Amino acid sequence: QISNNGSEVIGSTSSSSAITRTAMGQQVSQQTVNGQQVSQSVNNQNVDVSNQTQLKHALQDKNVSVINFDNDITLTQTINVVPRNVTINANGYQLNTGNYCLSVDSAKGSTSNEITLKNARLFTANKHGAFEMSHDGNVKLTYQDVDAVGGTAVWSNSEAKGNKSFKVAGQRPSSHITWMVMSTALISSTSR
């Protein structure tokens, strides 16, 4: 089936979303969210995002394992992250969480839940940091080559059951990460 914009519809998940292949052979996921058409490039389990709506869709799609930024993104709401292994490659763009955060729904049982934020300029003003790990279950969070500005880096509820870990990795000088070790930031928590 060919749509009116020259794209071939190769699959449809519902009346409000479809996977299409453009004339150039690129697969694109199209979805209508709150009356707004949202398109994302899809390459197997890799998704390119350029705004908050696309980022939210990708973070809540358990089949997406790599999210690539095409633009700076500013949050205007907290986004829940579906448990799984996922890499968020900001490609040098900024993730501005402001007074919001990415709330990690922890994986229970043997399900893995490893999140890596790579090559990002991060700004946060939220007391729970850019990532909030407040649910029961296991979470491994890594900041790799992240330049960060703001208050709390990551927050974990010490009452939550499960293992929570936070690691800083990459080639950035340590001066870019000194803000992360703050009295308000619990960066590692283990179940009791």
C-alpha atoms as a PDB file:
ATOM      1  CA  GLN A   1       0.000   0.000   0.000  1.00  0.00           C
ATOM      2  CA  ILE A   2       1.425   3.407  -0.969  1.00  0.00           C
ATOM      3  CA  SER A   3       0.368   6.482   1.020  1.00  0.00           C
ATOM      4  CA  ASN A   4      -0.237   9.930  -0.430  1.00  0.00           C
ATOM      5  CA  ASN A   5       3.307  11.076   0.482  1.00  0.00           C
ATOM      6  CA  GLY A   6       4.994   8.324  -1.539  1.00  0.00           C
ATOM      7  CA  SER A   7       5.703   6.046   1.437  1.00  0.00           C
ATOM      8  CA  GLU A   8       4.900   2.352   1.466  1.00  0.00           C
ATOM      9  CA  VAL A   9       2.974   1.179   4.546  1.00  0.00           C
ATOM     10  CA  ILE A  10       4.735  -2.014   5.678  1.00  0.00           C
ATOM     11  CA  GLY A  11       2.930  -2.590   8.967  1.00  0.00           C
ATOM     12  CA  SER A  12       0.302  -1.049  11.127  1.00  0.00           C
ATOM     13  CA  THR A  13      -0.092  -1.417  14.866  1.00  0.00           C
ATOM     14  CA  SER A  14      -3.390   0.446  15.206  1.00  0.00           C
ATOM     15  CA  SER A  15      -5.432   3.083  13.451  1.00  0.00           C
ATOM     16  CA  SER A  16      -3.262   5.772  15.055  1.00  0.00           C
ATOM     17  CA  SER A  17       0.211   4.353  14.334  1.00  0.00           C
ATOM     18  CA  ALA A  18       2.023   2.671  11.466  1.00  0.00           C
ATOM     19  CA  ILE A  19       5.485   1.646  10.299  1.00  0.00           C
ATOM     20  CA  THR A  20       6.228   2.971   6.819  1.00  0.00           C
ATOM     21  CA  ARG A  21       9.128   2.727   4.374  1.00  0.00           C
ATOM     22  CA  THR A  22       9.991   5.919   2.531  1.00  0.00           C
ATOM     23  CA  ALA A  23      11.014   6.035  -1.112  1.00  0.00           C
ATOM     24  CA  MET A  24      14.640   6.034   0.144  1.00  0.00           C
ATOM     25  CA  GLY A  25      14.064   2.687   1.925  1.00  0.00           C
ATOM     26  CA  GLN A  26      14.185   4.145   5.440  1.00  0.00           C
ATOM     27  CA  GLN A  27      11.680   2.742   7.941  1.00  0.00           C
ATOM     28  CA  VAL A  28       9.678   5.355   9.810  1.00  0.00           C
ATOM     29  CA  SER A  29       7.313   4.861  12.749  1.00  0.00           C
ATOM     30  CA  GLN A  30       4.378   7.258  12.552  1.00  0.00           C
ATOM     31  CA  GLN A  31       1.956   7.810  15.381  1.00  0.00           C
ATOM     32  CA  THR A  32      -0.675  10.374  16.254  1.00  0.00           C
ATOM     33  CA  VAL A  33      -0.282  11.579  19.845  1.00  0.00           C
ATOM     34  CA  ASN A  34      -2.803  14.091  21.186  1.00  0.00           C
ATOM     35  CA  GLY A  35      -3.689  15.039  17.619  1.00  0.00           C
ATOM     36  CA  GLN A  36      -0.026  15.661  16.699  1.00  0.00           C
ATOM     37  CA  GLN A  37       1.675  13.524  14.033  1.00  0.00           C
ATOM     38  CA  VAL A  38       4.899  12.036  15.425  1.00  0.00           C
ATOM     39  CA  SER A  39       7.402  10.369  13.080  1.00  0.00           C
ATOM     40  CA  GLN A  40      10.520   8.503  14.164  1.00  0.00           C
ATOM     41  CA  SER A  41      13.203   6.794  12.121  1.00  0.00           C
ATOM     42  CA  VAL A  42      13.323   3.117  13.045  1.00  0.00           C
ATOM     43  CA  ASN A  43      16.305   0.889  12.280  1.00  0.00           C
ATOM     44  CA  ASN A  44      15.579  -2.450  13.938  1.00  0.00           C
ATOM     45  CA  GLN A  45      15.560  -1.405  17.598  1.00  0.00           C
ATOM     46  CA  ASN A  46      17.251   1.978  17.094  1.00  0.00           C
ATOM     47  CA  VAL A  47      15.143   5.136  17.185  1.00  0.00           C
ATOM     48  CA  ASP A  48      16.089   8.732  16.321  1.00  0.00           C
ATOM     49  CA  VAL A  49      14.371  11.407  18.426  1.00  0.00           C
ATOM     50  CA  SER A  50      14.308  15.187  18.227  1.00  0.00           C
ATOM     51  CA  ASN A  51      11.648  16.238  20.762  1.00  0.00           C
ATOM     52  CA  GLN A  52      10.094  15.263  24.097  1.00  0.00           C
ATOM     53  CA  THR A  53       7.140  13.412  22.538  1.00  0.00           C
ATOM     54  CA  GLN A  54       9.439  11.175  20.491  1.00  0.00           C
ATOM     55  CA  LEU A  55      11.742  10.607  23.489  1.00  0.00           C
ATOM     56  CA  LYS A  56       8.781   9.611  25.671  1.00  0.00           C
ATOM     57  CA  HIS A  57       7.496   7.182  23.020  1.00  0.00           C
ATOM     58  CA  ALA A  58      10.973   5.599  22.676  1.00  0.00           C
ATOM     59  CA  LEU A  59      11.540   5.311  26.448  1.00  0.00           C
ATOM     60  CA  GLN A  60       8.184   3.581  26.866  1.00  0.00           C
ATOM     61  CA  ASP A  61       8.656   1.142  23.952  1.00  0.00           C
ATOM     62  CA  LYS A  62      10.243  -2.034  25.360  1.00  0.00           C
ATOM     63  CA  ASN A  63      11.470  -3.002  21.865  1.00  0.00           C
ATOM     64  CA  VAL A  64      13.729   0.057  21.543  1.00  0.00           C
ATOM     65  CA  SER A  65      17.277  -0.589  22.752  1.00  0.00           C
ATOM     66  CA  VAL A  66      19.100   2.473  21.345  1.00  0.00           C
ATOM     67  CA  ILE A  67      17.758   6.032  21.305  1.00  0.00           C
ATOM     68  CA  ASN A  68      19.716   8.595  19.251  1.00  0.00           C
ATOM     69  CA  PHE A  69      19.185  12.342  19.709  1.00  0.00           C
ATOM     70  CA  ASP A  70      18.928  14.535  16.602  1.00  0.00           C
ATOM     71  CA  ASN A  71      18.383  17.743  18.591  1.00  0.00           C
ATOM     72  CA  ASP A  72      18.461  19.273  22.083  1.00  0.00           C
ATOM     73  CA  ILE A  73      15.492  18.028  24.152  1.00  0.00           C
ATOM     74  CA  THR A  74      13.817  19.784  27.094  1.00  0.00           C
ATOM     75  CA  LEU A  75      11.371  17.963  29.355  1.00  0.00           C
ATOM     76  CA  THR A  76       8.083  19.584  30.363  1.00  0.00           C
ATOM     77  CA  GLN A  77       6.909  16.480  32.240  1.00  0.00           C
ATOM     78  CA  THR A  78       8.342  13.470  34.057  1.00  0.00           C
ATOM     79  CA  ILE A  79       8.704  10.444  31.768  1.00  0.00           C
ATOM     80  CA  ASN A  80       8.484   6.847  33.005  1.00  0.00           C
ATOM     81  CA  VAL A  81      11.141   4.549  31.527  1.00  0.00           C
ATOM     82  CA  VAL A  82       9.971   0.987  30.793  1.00  0.00           C
ATOM     83  CA  PRO A  83      12.379  -1.592  32.310  1.00  0.00           C
ATOM     84  CA  ARG A  84      14.937  -2.993  29.844  1.00  0.00           C
ATOM     85  CA  ASN A  85      18.491  -2.455  28.650  1.00  0.00           C
ATOM     86  CA  VAL A  86      18.614   0.832  26.744  1.00  0.00           C
ATOM     87  CA  THR A  87      21.294   3.253  25.586  1.00  0.00           C
ATOM     88  CA  ILE A  88      20.385   6.912  25.192  1.00  0.00           C
ATOM     89  CA  ASN A  89      22.976   8.422  22.859  1.00  0.00           C
ATOM     90  CA  ALA A  90      22.557  12.194  22.966  1.00  0.00           C
ATOM     91  CA  ASN A  91      25.197  12.659  20.238  1.00  0.00           C
ATOM     92  CA  GLY A  92      26.483  15.794  21.994  1.00  0.00           C
ATOM     93  CA  TYR A  93      23.031  17.368  22.256  1.00  0.00           C
ATOM     94  CA  GLN A  94      21.545  18.652  25.516  1.00  0.00           C
ATOM     95  CA  LEU A  95      19.027  16.829  27.666  1.00  0.00           C
ATOM     96  CA  ASN A  96      17.436  19.483  29.872  1.00  0.00           C
ATOM     97  CA  THR A  97      15.289  17.760  32.481  1.00  0.00           C
ATOM     98  CA  GLY A  98      14.672  21.013  34.354  1.00  0.00           C
ATOM     99  CA  ASN A  99      12.221  20.348  37.204  1.00  0.00           C
ATOM    100  CA  TYR A 100      11.287  16.933  35.784  1.00  0.00           C
ATOM    101  CA  CYS A 101      13.078  13.604  35.494  1.00  0.00           C
ATOM    102  CA  LEU A 102      13.213  10.220  33.818  1.00  0.00           C
ATOM    103  CA  SER A 103      11.589   7.890  36.354  1.00  0.00           C
ATOM    104  CA  VAL A 104      13.003   4.391  36.038  1.00  0.00           C
ATOM    105  CA  ASP A 105      10.446   1.628  36.557  1.00  0.00           C
ATOM    106  CA  SER A 106      12.730  -0.985  38.081  1.00  0.00           C
ATOM    107  CA  ALA A 107      12.954  -4.484  36.710  1.00  0.00           C
ATOM    108  CA  LYS A 108      11.738  -7.175  39.074  1.00  0.00           C
ATOM    109  CA  GLY A 109      13.077 -10.714  39.164  1.00  0.00           C
ATOM    110  CA  SER A 110      15.723 -11.692  36.639  1.00  0.00           C
ATOM    111  CA  THR A 111      14.807  -9.005  34.090  1.00  0.00           C
ATOM    112  CA  SER A 112      17.773  -6.776  33.323  1.00  0.00           C
ATOM    113  CA  ASN A 113      17.427  -3.013  33.589  1.00  0.00           C
ATOM    114  CA  GLU A 114      20.595  -1.253  32.472  1.00  0.00           C
ATOM    115  CA  ILE A 115      20.398   2.333  31.267  1.00  0.00           C
ATOM    116  CA  THR A 116      23.322   4.183  29.712  1.00  0.00           C
ATOM    117  CA  LEU A 117      23.282   7.910  28.934  1.00  0.00           C
ATOM    118  CA  LYS A 118      26.080   8.634  26.444  1.00  0.00           C
ATOM    119  CA  ASN A 119      27.688  11.726  24.972  1.00  0.00           C
ATOM    120  CA  ALA A 120      25.251  14.168  26.566  1.00  0.00           C
ATOM    121  CA  ARG A 121      25.158  17.689  27.895  1.00  0.00           C
ATOM    122  CA  LEU A 122      22.841  17.264  30.881  1.00  0.00           C
ATOM    123  CA  PHE A 123      21.031  19.959  32.861  1.00  0.00           C
ATOM    124  CA  THR A 124      18.795  19.240  35.836  1.00  0.00           C
ATOM    125  CA  ALA A 125      17.094  21.335  38.510  1.00  0.00           C
ATOM    126  CA  ASN A 126      14.926  18.544  39.963  1.00  0.00           C
ATOM    127  CA  LYS A 127      15.678  17.349  43.511  1.00  0.00           C
ATOM    128  CA  HIS A 128      15.354  13.792  42.146  1.00  0.00           C
ATOM    129  CA  GLY A 129      17.968  14.433  39.476  1.00  0.00           C
ATOM    130  CA  ALA A 130      17.755  13.537  35.818  1.00  0.00           C
ATOM    131  CA  PHE A 131      17.059   9.893  36.702  1.00  0.00           C
ATOM    132  CA  GLU A 132      14.891   8.779  39.608  1.00  0.00           C
ATOM    133  CA  MET A 133      15.221   5.193  40.835  1.00  0.00           C
ATOM    134  CA  SER A 134      12.517   4.950  43.487  1.00  0.00           C
ATOM    135  CA  HIS A 135      10.797   1.654  42.667  1.00  0.00           C
ATOM    136  CA  ASP A 136      11.583  -1.878  43.887  1.00  0.00           C
ATOM    137  CA  GLY A 137      13.873  -3.896  41.635  1.00  0.00           C
ATOM    138  CA  ASN A 138      17.340  -3.724  40.101  1.00  0.00           C
ATOM    139  CA  VAL A 139      18.734  -0.796  38.102  1.00  0.00           C
ATOM    140  CA  LYS A 140      22.209  -0.124  36.697  1.00  0.00           C
ATOM    141  CA  LEU A 141      22.629   3.453  35.475  1.00  0.00           C
ATOM    142  CA  THR A 142      25.754   4.682  33.665  1.00  0.00           C
ATOM    143  CA  TYR A 143      26.680   8.209  32.584  1.00  0.00           C
ATOM    144  CA  GLN A 144      29.270   7.804  29.812  1.00  0.00           C
ATOM    145  CA  ASP A 145      30.946  10.960  28.508  1.00  0.00           C
ATOM    146  CA  VAL A 146      28.311  13.190  30.085  1.00  0.00           C
ATOM    147  CA  ASP A 147      28.891  16.877  30.863  1.00  0.00           C
ATOM    148  CA  ALA A 148      26.394  17.733  33.572  1.00  0.00           C
ATOM    149  CA  VAL A 149      25.235  20.936  35.230  1.00  0.00           C
ATOM    150  CA  GLY A 150      22.716  21.305  38.017  1.00  0.00           C
ATOM    151  CA  GLY A 151      21.832  19.822  41.355  1.00  0.00           C
ATOM    152  CA  THR A 152      21.278  16.129  41.974  1.00  0.00           C
ATOM    153  CA  ALA A 153      22.661  13.729  39.360  1.00  0.00           C
ATOM    154  CA  VAL A 154      20.523  10.714  40.185  1.00  0.00           C
ATOM    155  CA  TRP A 155      18.214   9.830  43.054  1.00  0.00           C
ATOM    156  CA  SER A 156      17.443   6.451  44.585  1.00  0.00           C
ATOM    157  CA  ASN A 157      14.974   5.656  47.329  1.00  0.00           C
ATOM    158  CA  SER A 158      16.879   3.795  50.053  1.00  0.00           C
ATOM    159  CA  GLU A 159      13.587   2.192  51.142  1.00  0.00           C
ATOM    160  CA  ALA A 160      13.095   0.531  47.731  1.00  0.00           C
ATOM    161  CA  LYS A 161      14.078  -3.137  47.474  1.00  0.00           C
ATOM    162  CA  GLY A 162      16.660  -4.275  44.947  1.00  0.00           C
ATOM    163  CA  ASN A 163      20.110  -3.206  43.851  1.00  0.00           C
ATOM    164  CA  LYS A 164      20.618   0.258  42.409  1.00  0.00           C
ATOM    165  CA  SER A 165      23.975   1.316  40.999  1.00  0.00           C
ATOM    166  CA  PHE A 166      25.288   4.448  39.317  1.00  0.00           C
ATOM    167  CA  LYS A 167      28.568   4.610  37.413  1.00  0.00           C
ATOM    168  CA  VAL A 168      30.438   7.405  35.643  1.00  0.00           C
ATOM    169  CA  ALA A 169      32.497   6.267  32.652  1.00  0.00           C
ATOM    170  CA  GLY A 170      34.212   7.585  29.552  1.00  0.00           C
ATOM    171  CA  GLN A 171      36.881  10.035  28.545  1.00  0.00           C
ATOM    172  CA  ARG A 172      35.575  13.258  30.143  1.00  0.00           C
ATOM    173  CA  PRO A 173      37.808  14.918  32.758  1.00  0.00           C
ATOM    174  CA  SER A 174      36.685  14.417  36.352  1.00  0.00           C
ATOM    175  CA  SER A 175      36.018  18.161  36.697  1.00  0.00           C
ATOM    176  CA  HIS A 176      32.876  17.639  34.634  1.00  0.00           C
ATOM    177  CA  ILE A 177      31.379  15.245  37.160  1.00  0.00           C
ATOM    178  CA  THR A 178      32.318  16.656  40.570  1.00  0.00           C
ATOM    179  CA  TRP A 179      28.847  18.154  41.039  1.00  0.00           C
ATOM    180  CA  MET A 180      27.337  14.669  41.126  1.00  0.00           C
ATOM    181  CA  VAL A 181      28.522  13.726  44.594  1.00  0.00           C
ATOM    182  CA  MET A 182      26.222  15.799  46.746  1.00  0.00           C
ATOM    183  CA  SER A 183      24.650  15.234  50.120  1.00  0.00           C
ATOM    184  CA  THR A 184      21.172  15.293  48.534  1.00  0.00           C
ATOM    185  CA  ALA A 185      22.106  12.685  45.929  1.00  0.00           C
ATOM    186  CA  LEU A 186      21.982   9.043  46.904  1.00  0.00           C
ATOM    187  CA  ILE A 187      23.845   7.410  44.074  1.00  0.00           C
ATOM    188  CA  SER A 188      23.946   3.819  45.224  1.00  0.00           C
ATOM    189  CA  SER A 189      21.422   1.789  47.143  1.00  0.00           C
ATOM    190  CA  THR A 190      21.139  -1.898  48.010  1.00  0.00           C
ATOM    191  CA  SER A 191      18.099  -3.730  49.304  1.00  0.00           C
ATOM    192  CA  ARG A 192      18.003  -4.570  52.966  1.00  0.00           C
END
